[in-house]
Amino acid sequence: MRHSFYLSLAALLIRADLRREERSWRRKVRQSAYAIPWDNPHLLRDIGLQADGRPVGRSINEEQYVTRRMHLLRQFIALRIPT
C-alpha cells in the first residue's frame, strides 16, 4: 500500500530543508576557515602578518632569494623540449 501524496510530499520537503541547512552550515564553515582576524594584532602576528597585512619578514635574505629564483628559472629553460 502506498503512502498518501501529502505524506510523500512532506517527507520530500523535509529532506530538502535538511539538505539546504547542511549546505548553509558547510558554506559558513568554509568561509570561516579563510577569515583573517584583521582587528586582532596578536592573532595576525601568530599567522605571520603585520597589522597592515604585510608579511612579518622573509625567512631568507634578498641575495639568497634571487640566487634560488635564477637557479629555478635556468632549470626550467633547460628542461623545455625544443619542438
C-alpha atoms as a PDB file:
ATOM      1  CA  MET A   1       0.000   0.000   0.000  1.00  0.00           C
ATOM      2  CA  ARG A   2       1.356   3.385  -0.988  1.00  0.00           C
ATOM      3  CA  HIS A   3       1.621   6.361   1.297  1.00  0.00           C
ATOM      4  CA  SER A   4      -0.577   9.318   0.615  1.00  0.00           C
ATOM      5  CA  PHE A   5       0.579  12.005  -1.748  1.00  0.00           C
ATOM      6  CA  TYR A   6       0.699  14.617   1.029  1.00  0.00           C
ATOM      7  CA  LEU A   7       2.815  12.407   3.263  1.00  0.00           C
ATOM      8  CA  SER A   8       5.312  11.793   0.450  1.00  0.00           C
ATOM      9  CA  LEU A   9       5.408  15.484  -0.351  1.00  0.00           C
ATOM     10  CA  ALA A  10       6.005  16.383   3.316  1.00  0.00           C
ATOM     11  CA  ALA A  11       8.885  13.886   3.541  1.00  0.00           C
ATOM     12  CA  LEU A  12      10.401  15.291   0.335  1.00  0.00           C
ATOM     13  CA  LEU A  13      10.177  18.877   1.609  1.00  0.00           C
ATOM     14  CA  ILE A  14      11.711  17.936   4.978  1.00  0.00           C
ATOM     15  CA  ARG A  15      14.644  16.204   3.243  1.00  0.00           C
ATOM     16  CA  ALA A  16      15.139  19.234   1.003  1.00  0.00           C
ATOM     17  CA  ASP A  17      15.144  21.549   4.028  1.00  0.00           C
ATOM     18  CA  LEU A  18      17.724  19.380   5.817  1.00  0.00           C
ATOM     19  CA  ARG A  19      19.971  19.426   2.737  1.00  0.00           C
ATOM     20  CA  ARG A  20      19.641  23.209   2.487  1.00  0.00           C
ATOM     21  CA  GLU A  21      20.614  23.630   6.148  1.00  0.00           C
ATOM     22  CA  GLU A  22      23.590  21.293   5.704  1.00  0.00           C
ATOM     23  CA  ARG A  23      24.819  23.219   2.655  1.00  0.00           C
ATOM     24  CA  SER A  24      24.401  26.515   4.514  1.00  0.00           C
ATOM     25  CA  TRP A  25      26.357  25.197   7.510  1.00  0.00           C
ATOM     26  CA  ARG A  26      29.167  23.868   5.282  1.00  0.00           C
ATOM     27  CA  ARG A  27      29.373  27.206   3.476  1.00  0.00           C
ATOM     28  CA  LYS A  28      29.762  29.060   6.787  1.00  0.00           C
ATOM     29  CA  VAL A  29      32.457  26.650   7.952  1.00  0.00           C
ATOM     30  CA  ARG A  30      34.370  27.047   4.660  1.00  0.00           C
ATOM     31  CA  GLN A  31      34.160  30.831   4.833  1.00  0.00           C
ATOM     32  CA  SER A  32      35.292  30.957   8.446  1.00  0.00           C
ATOM     33  CA  ALA A  33      38.382  28.909   7.580  1.00  0.00           C
ATOM     34  CA  TYR A  34      39.610  31.795   5.407  1.00  0.00           C
ATOM     35  CA  ALA A  35      38.503  34.662   7.639  1.00  0.00           C
ATOM     36  CA  ILE A  36      41.551  36.688   8.733  1.00  0.00           C
ATOM     37  CA  PRO A  37      41.227  38.406  12.139  1.00  0.00           C
ATOM     38  CA  TRP A  38      42.219  41.916  10.968  1.00  0.00           C
ATOM     39  CA  ASP A  39      41.152  43.515  14.255  1.00  0.00           C
ATOM     40  CA  ASN A  40      43.434  41.363  16.454  1.00  0.00           C
ATOM     41  CA  PRO A  41      47.176  42.143  16.108  1.00  0.00           C
ATOM     42  CA  HIS A  42      48.192  39.173  18.250  1.00  0.00           C
ATOM     43  CA  LEU A  43      46.452  36.646  16.010  1.00  0.00           C
ATOM     44  CA  LEU A  44      47.834  38.398  12.929  1.00  0.00           C
ATOM     45  CA  ARG A  45      51.342  38.048  14.326  1.00  0.00           C
ATOM     46  CA  ASP A  46      50.682  34.360  15.000  1.00  0.00           C
ATOM     47  CA  ILE A  47      49.862  33.740  11.339  1.00  0.00           C
ATOM     48  CA  GLY A  48      52.813  35.849  10.178  1.00  0.00           C
ATOM     49  CA  LEU A  49      51.226  39.168   9.227  1.00  0.00           C
ATOM     50  CA  GLN A  50      51.723  42.700  10.458  1.00  0.00           C
ATOM     51  CA  ALA A  51      48.749  44.889  11.432  1.00  0.00           C
ATOM     52  CA  ASP A  52      48.598  46.387   7.918  1.00  0.00           C
ATOM     53  CA  GLY A  53      48.565  42.938   6.253  1.00  0.00           C
ATOM     54  CA  ARG A  54      52.171  42.746   5.085  1.00  0.00           C
ATOM     55  CA  PRO A  55      54.240  39.641   5.935  1.00  0.00           C
ATOM     56  CA  VAL A  56      56.307  39.905   9.117  1.00  0.00           C
ATOM     57  CA  GLY A  57      59.575  39.171   7.378  1.00  0.00           C
ATOM     58  CA  ARG A  58      61.315  36.967   4.880  1.00  0.00           C
ATOM     59  CA  SER A  59      62.907  33.769   6.072  1.00  0.00           C
ATOM     60  CA  ILE A  60      65.889  34.263   3.717  1.00  0.00           C
ATOM     61  CA  ASN A  61      67.730  37.389   2.658  1.00  0.00           C
ATOM     62  CA  GLU A  62      67.313  39.020  -0.756  1.00  0.00           C
ATOM     63  CA  GLU A  63      70.523  37.628  -2.266  1.00  0.00           C
ATOM     64  CA  GLN A  64      69.600  34.019  -1.458  1.00  0.00           C
ATOM     65  CA  TYR A  65      66.106  34.599  -2.796  1.00  0.00           C
ATOM     66  CA  VAL A  66      67.389  35.948  -6.121  1.00  0.00           C
ATOM     67  CA  THR A  67      70.008  33.184  -6.422  1.00  0.00           C
ATOM     68  CA  ARG A  68      67.412  30.463  -5.861  1.00  0.00           C
ATOM     69  CA  ARG A  69      64.964  32.097  -8.263  1.00  0.00           C
ATOM     70  CA  MET A  70      67.581  32.351 -11.037  1.00  0.00           C
ATOM     71  CA  HIS A  71      68.600  28.723 -10.486  1.00  0.00           C
ATOM     72  CA  LEU A  72      64.995  27.571 -10.844  1.00  0.00           C
ATOM     73  CA  LEU A  73      64.471  29.667 -13.977  1.00  0.00           C
ATOM     74  CA  ARG A  74      67.640  28.212 -15.551  1.00  0.00           C
ATOM     75  CA  GLN A  75      66.397  24.699 -14.763  1.00  0.00           C
ATOM     76  CA  PHE A  76      63.030  25.463 -16.305  1.00  0.00           C
ATOM     77  CA  ILE A  77      64.578  26.811 -19.510  1.00  0.00           C
ATOM     78  CA  ALA A  78      66.960  23.826 -19.764  1.00  0.00           C
ATOM     79  CA  LEU A  79      64.107  21.316 -19.300  1.00  0.00           C
ATOM     80  CA  ARG A  80      61.922  22.680 -22.078  1.00  0.00           C
ATOM     81  CA  ILE A  81      61.744  20.355 -25.035  1.00  0.00           C
ATOM     82  CA  PRO A  82      62.589  22.172 -28.289  1.00  0.00           C
ATOM     83  CA  THR A  83      59.940  21.500 -30.891  1.00  0.00           C
END
